[in-house]
Amino acid sequence: FRRVLFRSTTGPNFALVGGSQDTHEQMTEKAVKINEKLKERGKQLHEVSHAEFDDIAHEVGLKRADPKQN
């Protein structure tokens, strides 16, 4: 008998599934911060361009993955 821990967190504009406890907590924090930044700008997620979203993601400490490493 093996017990599997399944982490799932949802909120406005996000749904996170899986990951280690630490990674899941970090990503939840980033998603919440992204929503805060959107609110500061007076915008909804669907109203920002890809470039503006990239700027917001960078502000909260996210960076684009290097596809060469995957």
N, C-alpha and C. Protein backbone atom coordinates (compact mmCIF):
# COMPACT_ATOMS: atom_id res chain seq x y z
N PHE A 1 0.84 -1.18 0.00
CA PHE A 1 0.00 0.00 0.00
C PHE A 1 0.88 1.23 0.00
N ARG A 2 0.70 2.06 -1.01
CA ARG A 2 1.48 3.28 -1.12
C ARG A 2 0.55 4.48 -1.08
N ARG A 3 0.85 5.42 -0.21
CA ARG A 3 0.04 6.63 -0.09
C ARG A 3 0.62 7.71 -1.00
N VAL A 4 -0.22 8.31 -1.83
CA VAL A 4 0.21 9.34 -2.76
C VAL A 4 -0.39 10.67 -2.30
N LEU A 5 0.48 11.65 -2.13
CA LEU A 5 0.03 12.98 -1.75
C LEU A 5 -0.19 13.80 -3.00
N PHE A 6 -1.35 14.34 -3.13
CA PHE A 6 -1.73 15.10 -4.31
C PHE A 6 -2.01 16.54 -3.89
N ARG A 7 -1.16 17.46 -4.33
CA ARG A 7 -1.34 18.87 -4.00
C ARG A 7 -2.12 19.54 -5.12
N SER A 8 -3.10 20.33 -4.74
CA SER A 8 -3.89 21.07 -5.70
C SER A 8 -4.32 22.38 -5.06
N THR A 9 -4.04 23.48 -5.75
CA THR A 9 -4.44 24.79 -5.26
C THR A 9 -5.00 25.58 -6.43
N THR A 10 -6.15 26.20 -6.21
CA THR A 10 -6.75 27.03 -7.26
C THR A 10 -7.04 28.41 -6.70
N GLY A 11 -7.11 29.35 -7.59
CA GLY A 11 -7.43 30.72 -7.23
C GLY A 11 -7.79 31.47 -8.50
N PRO A 12 -8.03 32.78 -8.36
CA PRO A 12 -8.32 33.55 -9.56
C PRO A 12 -7.16 33.45 -10.55
N ASN A 13 -7.45 33.04 -11.75
CA ASN A 13 -6.48 32.95 -12.84
C ASN A 13 -5.47 31.83 -12.72
N PHE A 14 -5.59 30.93 -11.76
CA PHE A 14 -4.59 29.86 -11.69
C PHE A 14 -5.13 28.57 -11.09
N ALA A 15 -4.49 27.48 -11.49
CA ALA A 15 -4.71 26.16 -10.91
C ALA A 15 -3.35 25.47 -10.91
N LEU A 16 -2.90 25.11 -9.72
CA LEU A 16 -1.60 24.44 -9.58
C LEU A 16 -1.85 23.02 -9.10
N VAL A 17 -1.19 22.08 -9.75
CA VAL A 17 -1.37 20.67 -9.41
C VAL A 17 -0.01 20.02 -9.31
N GLY A 18 0.23 19.32 -8.18
CA GLY A 18 1.45 18.55 -8.02
C GLY A 18 2.62 19.38 -7.54
N GLY A 19 3.79 18.78 -7.65
CA GLY A 19 5.02 19.42 -7.19
C GLY A 19 5.33 19.07 -5.76
N SER A 20 6.56 19.29 -5.38
CA SER A 20 6.94 19.07 -3.98
C SER A 20 6.23 20.13 -3.14
N GLN A 21 6.19 19.93 -1.85
CA GLN A 21 5.53 20.90 -0.98
C GLN A 21 6.16 22.28 -1.15
N ASP A 22 7.49 22.34 -1.18
CA ASP A 22 8.20 23.61 -1.31
C ASP A 22 7.90 24.28 -2.65
N THR A 23 8.01 23.52 -3.72
CA THR A 23 7.75 24.08 -5.06
C THR A 23 6.31 24.53 -5.18
N HIS A 24 5.39 23.74 -4.68
CA HIS A 24 3.97 24.09 -4.77
C HIS A 24 3.70 25.40 -4.03
N GLU A 25 4.27 25.55 -2.84
CA GLU A 25 4.10 26.77 -2.06
C GLU A 25 4.70 27.98 -2.78
N GLN A 26 5.88 27.80 -3.37
CA GLN A 26 6.53 28.90 -4.10
C GLN A 26 5.69 29.34 -5.29
N MET A 27 5.17 28.37 -6.04
CA MET A 27 4.38 28.71 -7.22
C MET A 27 3.05 29.34 -6.84
N THR A 28 2.45 28.88 -5.74
CA THR A 28 1.21 29.49 -5.26
C THR A 28 1.46 30.95 -4.92
N GLU A 29 2.57 31.21 -4.24
CA GLU A 29 2.94 32.58 -3.88
C GLU A 29 3.12 33.44 -5.13
N LYS A 30 3.77 32.90 -6.14
CA LYS A 30 3.99 33.65 -7.38
C LYS A 30 2.66 33.95 -8.07
N ALA A 31 1.76 32.98 -8.11
CA ALA A 31 0.46 33.18 -8.75
C ALA A 31 -0.34 34.26 -8.03
N VAL A 32 -0.30 34.25 -6.70
CA VAL A 32 -1.00 35.28 -5.92
C VAL A 32 -0.39 36.65 -6.21
N LYS A 33 0.93 36.72 -6.27
CA LYS A 33 1.60 38.00 -6.56
C LYS A 33 1.26 38.51 -7.96
N ILE A 34 1.15 37.61 -8.92
CA ILE A 34 0.76 38.02 -10.27
C ILE A 34 -0.62 38.65 -10.23
N ASN A 35 -1.55 38.04 -9.51
CA ASN A 35 -2.89 38.61 -9.40
C ASN A 35 -2.86 39.98 -8.72
N GLU A 36 -1.98 40.15 -7.73
CA GLU A 36 -1.85 41.45 -7.06
C GLU A 36 -1.34 42.51 -8.04
N LYS A 37 -0.35 42.14 -8.86
CA LYS A 37 0.20 43.07 -9.86
C LYS A 37 -0.87 43.45 -10.88
N LEU A 38 -1.66 42.48 -11.30
CA LEU A 38 -2.75 42.78 -12.24
C LEU A 38 -3.72 43.77 -11.62
N LYS A 39 -4.06 43.55 -10.36
CA LYS A 39 -4.99 44.45 -9.66
C LYS A 39 -4.40 45.86 -9.56
N GLU A 40 -3.10 45.96 -9.26
CA GLU A 40 -2.43 47.27 -9.19
C GLU A 40 -2.54 48.01 -10.51
N ARG A 41 -2.48 47.26 -11.60
CA ARG A 41 -2.56 47.87 -12.94
C ARG A 41 -3.99 48.08 -13.39
N GLY A 42 -4.94 47.61 -12.59
CA GLY A 42 -6.35 47.77 -12.94
C GLY A 42 -6.76 46.92 -14.12
N LYS A 43 -6.13 45.75 -14.25
CA LYS A 43 -6.41 44.89 -15.41
C LYS A 43 -6.76 43.47 -14.97
N GLN A 44 -7.44 42.78 -15.88
CA GLN A 44 -7.71 41.36 -15.74
C GLN A 44 -6.68 40.61 -16.58
N LEU A 45 -6.47 39.34 -16.28
CA LEU A 45 -5.47 38.56 -17.00
C LEU A 45 -5.69 38.59 -18.52
N HIS A 46 -6.94 38.47 -18.95
CA HIS A 46 -7.22 38.44 -20.39
C HIS A 46 -6.98 39.79 -21.08
N GLU A 47 -6.73 40.84 -20.30
CA GLU A 47 -6.53 42.17 -20.88
C GLU A 47 -5.06 42.53 -21.11
N VAL A 48 -4.13 41.71 -20.63
CA VAL A 48 -2.72 42.04 -20.79
C VAL A 48 -2.13 41.29 -21.98
N SER A 49 -1.18 41.94 -22.63
CA SER A 49 -0.49 41.32 -23.76
C SER A 49 0.51 40.29 -23.22
N HIS A 50 1.04 39.48 -24.11
CA HIS A 50 2.07 38.52 -23.71
C HIS A 50 3.28 39.25 -23.13
N ALA A 51 3.66 40.35 -23.75
CA ALA A 51 4.82 41.12 -23.27
C ALA A 51 4.55 41.69 -21.88
N GLU A 52 3.36 42.21 -21.66
CA GLU A 52 3.03 42.76 -20.34
C GLU A 52 3.00 41.65 -19.29
N PHE A 53 2.47 40.49 -19.66
CA PHE A 53 2.47 39.37 -18.72
C PHE A 53 3.90 38.96 -18.39
N ASP A 54 4.77 38.92 -19.40
CA ASP A 54 6.17 38.58 -19.16
C ASP A 54 6.80 39.57 -18.18
N ASP A 55 6.48 40.86 -18.33
CA ASP A 55 6.99 41.88 -17.40
C ASP A 55 6.51 41.62 -15.98
N ILE A 56 5.23 41.31 -15.84
CA ILE A 56 4.66 41.04 -14.51
C ILE A 56 5.32 39.79 -13.92
N ALA A 57 5.44 38.75 -14.72
CA ALA A 57 6.06 37.51 -14.23
C ALA A 57 7.49 37.77 -13.77
N HIS A 58 8.22 38.57 -14.51
CA HIS A 58 9.59 38.91 -14.13
C HIS A 58 9.60 39.69 -12.81
N GLU A 59 8.65 40.60 -12.63
CA GLU A 59 8.55 41.39 -11.40
C GLU A 59 8.36 40.51 -10.16
N VAL A 60 7.67 39.40 -10.32
CA VAL A 60 7.42 38.52 -9.16
C VAL A 60 8.46 37.41 -9.03
N GLY A 61 9.47 37.45 -9.89
CA GLY A 61 10.57 36.50 -9.76
C GLY A 61 10.53 35.28 -10.65
N LEU A 62 9.63 35.27 -11.61
CA LEU A 62 9.59 34.16 -12.57
C LEU A 62 10.44 34.51 -13.78
N LYS A 63 11.01 33.50 -14.39
CA LYS A 63 11.75 33.72 -15.63
C LYS A 63 11.41 32.62 -16.61
N ARG A 64 11.51 32.95 -17.87
CA ARG A 64 11.19 32.00 -18.93
C ARG A 64 12.21 30.87 -18.94
N ALA A 65 11.73 29.64 -19.09
CA ALA A 65 12.61 28.48 -19.14
C ALA A 65 13.38 28.49 -20.46
N ASP A 66 14.58 28.01 -20.41
CA ASP A 66 15.39 27.87 -21.62
C ASP A 66 15.02 26.55 -22.27
N PRO A 67 14.37 26.59 -23.45
CA PRO A 67 13.91 25.34 -24.09
C PRO A 67 15.06 24.39 -24.41
N LYS A 68 16.28 24.90 -24.51
CA LYS A 68 17.44 24.05 -24.79
C LYS A 68 17.75 23.13 -23.62
N GLN A 69 17.32 23.53 -22.41
CA GLN A 69 17.59 22.73 -21.22
C GLN A 69 16.55 21.65 -20.98
N ASN A 70 15.42 21.72 -21.67
CA ASN A 70 14.33 20.76 -21.45
C ASN A 70 14.44 19.59 -22.37
